[in-house]
């Protein structure tokens, strides 16, 4: 049985990943507003995935990187 992860813990984990995700999005988009939009959608998507929070920090970083790249590309294509 997997323990329930509280909202405060989820926020803490996502805040640790936020800056690096923004840097990735900004590098791809070269636009602050679009990077903010991309990182917001990435964080929202990850926040809804309970299994994400049970993974190791290294795996979480990899998932965050991949998600930010996909969301940045999606924002750029709009």
C-alpha atoms as a PDB file:
ATOM      1  CA  UNK A   1       0.000   0.000   0.000  1.00  0.00           C
ATOM      2  CA  UNK A   2       1.379   3.370  -1.006  1.00  0.00           C
ATOM      3  CA  UNK A   3       1.247   6.181   1.552  1.00  0.00           C
ATOM      4  CA  UNK A   4      -0.827   9.225   0.728  1.00  0.00           C
ATOM      5  CA  UNK A   5       1.264  12.283  -0.095  1.00  0.00           C
ATOM      6  CA  UNK A   6      -0.192  15.518   1.223  1.00  0.00           C
ATOM      7  CA  UNK A   7      -0.634  18.732  -0.680  1.00  0.00           C
ATOM      8  CA  UNK A   8       2.129  20.509   1.250  1.00  0.00           C
ATOM      9  CA  UNK A   9       4.626  17.779   0.335  1.00  0.00           C
ATOM     10  CA  UNK A  10       3.575  17.893  -3.331  1.00  0.00           C
ATOM     11  CA  UNK A  11       4.037  21.675  -3.403  1.00  0.00           C
ATOM     12  CA  UNK A  12       7.458  21.325  -1.793  1.00  0.00           C
ATOM     13  CA  UNK A  13       8.585  18.812  -4.425  1.00  0.00           C
ATOM     14  CA  UNK A  14       7.243  20.878  -7.330  1.00  0.00           C
ATOM     15  CA  UNK A  15       8.866  24.077  -6.033  1.00  0.00           C
ATOM     16  CA  UNK A  16      12.239  22.330  -6.026  1.00  0.00           C
ATOM     17  CA  UNK A  17      11.775  21.469  -9.699  1.00  0.00           C
ATOM     18  CA  UNK A  18      10.161  24.713 -10.859  1.00  0.00           C
ATOM     19  CA  UNK A  19      13.282  26.819 -11.498  1.00  0.00           C
ATOM     20  CA  UNK A  20      15.027  24.198 -13.593  1.00  0.00           C
ATOM     21  CA  UNK A  21      11.831  23.603 -15.547  1.00  0.00           C
ATOM     22  CA  UNK A  22      11.501  27.322 -16.239  1.00  0.00           C
ATOM     23  CA  UNK A  23      15.104  27.456 -17.462  1.00  0.00           C
ATOM     24  CA  UNK A  24      14.411  24.626 -19.896  1.00  0.00           C
ATOM     25  CA  UNK A  25      11.227  26.273 -21.152  1.00  0.00           C
ATOM     26  CA  UNK A  26      12.918  29.649 -21.562  1.00  0.00           C
ATOM     27  CA  UNK A  27      15.854  28.086 -23.417  1.00  0.00           C
ATOM     28  CA  UNK A  28      13.476  26.468 -25.888  1.00  0.00           C
ATOM     29  CA  UNK A  29      11.061  29.391 -26.273  1.00  0.00           C
ATOM     30  CA  UNK A  30      13.324  32.434 -25.755  1.00  0.00           C
ATOM     31  CA  UNK A  31      10.265  34.249 -24.425  1.00  0.00           C
ATOM     32  CA  UNK A  32       9.463  34.827 -20.760  1.00  0.00           C
ATOM     33  CA  UNK A  33       5.664  34.812 -21.077  1.00  0.00           C
ATOM     34  CA  UNK A  34       5.612  31.639 -23.151  1.00  0.00           C
ATOM     35  CA  UNK A  35       8.068  29.962 -20.763  1.00  0.00           C
ATOM     36  CA  UNK A  36       5.814  30.817 -17.822  1.00  0.00           C
ATOM     37  CA  UNK A  37       2.826  29.356 -19.666  1.00  0.00           C
ATOM     38  CA  UNK A  38       4.757  26.184 -20.480  1.00  0.00           C
ATOM     39  CA  UNK A  39       6.021  25.674 -16.935  1.00  0.00           C
ATOM     40  CA  UNK A  40       2.566  26.293 -15.461  1.00  0.00           C
ATOM     41  CA  UNK A  41       1.005  23.637 -17.665  1.00  0.00           C
ATOM     42  CA  UNK A  42       3.849  21.230 -16.878  1.00  0.00           C
ATOM     43  CA  UNK A  43       3.483  21.752 -13.127  1.00  0.00           C
ATOM     44  CA  UNK A  44      -0.282  21.318 -13.282  1.00  0.00           C
ATOM     45  CA  UNK A  45       0.082  18.093 -15.246  1.00  0.00           C
ATOM     46  CA  UNK A  46       2.655  16.702 -12.833  1.00  0.00           C
ATOM     47  CA  UNK A  47       0.651  17.746  -9.783  1.00  0.00           C
ATOM     48  CA  UNK A  48      -2.197  15.481 -10.876  1.00  0.00           C
ATOM     49  CA  UNK A  49       0.036  12.404 -11.170  1.00  0.00           C
ATOM     50  CA  UNK A  50       0.302  10.813  -7.716  1.00  0.00           C
ATOM     51  CA  UNK A  51       2.831   8.237  -8.932  1.00  0.00           C
ATOM     52  CA  UNK A  52       5.230  11.080  -9.849  1.00  0.00           C
ATOM     53  CA  UNK A  53       5.637  11.985  -6.175  1.00  0.00           C
ATOM     54  CA  UNK A  54       6.569   8.430  -5.186  1.00  0.00           C
ATOM     55  CA  UNK A  55       9.544   8.293  -7.561  1.00  0.00           C
ATOM     56  CA  UNK A  56      13.122   9.138  -6.655  1.00  0.00           C
ATOM     57  CA  UNK A  57      14.311  12.726  -6.973  1.00  0.00           C
ATOM     58  CA  UNK A  58      16.467  11.818  -9.979  1.00  0.00           C
ATOM     59  CA  UNK A  59      13.521  10.271 -11.810  1.00  0.00           C
ATOM     60  CA  UNK A  60      11.327  13.255 -10.894  1.00  0.00           C
ATOM     61  CA  UNK A  61      13.919  15.587 -12.442  1.00  0.00           C
ATOM     62  CA  UNK A  62      14.001  13.516 -15.628  1.00  0.00           C
ATOM     63  CA  UNK A  63      10.216  13.497 -15.871  1.00  0.00           C
ATOM     64  CA  UNK A  64      10.088  17.253 -15.209  1.00  0.00           C
ATOM     65  CA  UNK A  65      12.676  17.906 -17.912  1.00  0.00           C
ATOM     66  CA  UNK A  66      10.791  15.810 -20.454  1.00  0.00           C
ATOM     67  CA  UNK A  67       7.425  17.348 -19.532  1.00  0.00           C
ATOM     68  CA  UNK A  68       8.799  20.902 -19.794  1.00  0.00           C
ATOM     69  CA  UNK A  69      10.274  20.161 -23.187  1.00  0.00           C
ATOM     70  CA  UNK A  70       6.970  18.772 -24.483  1.00  0.00           C
ATOM     71  CA  UNK A  71       4.925  21.625 -23.020  1.00  0.00           C
ATOM     72  CA  UNK A  72       7.345  24.209 -24.427  1.00  0.00           C
ATOM     73  CA  UNK A  73       7.058  22.731 -27.873  1.00  0.00           C
ATOM     74  CA  UNK A  74       3.276  22.643 -27.559  1.00  0.00           C
ATOM     75  CA  UNK A  75       3.196  26.325 -26.514  1.00  0.00           C
ATOM     76  CA  UNK A  76       5.486  27.253 -29.405  1.00  0.00           C
ATOM     77  CA  UNK A  77       3.207  25.513 -31.902  1.00  0.00           C
ATOM     78  CA  UNK A  78       0.108  27.470 -30.790  1.00  0.00           C
END
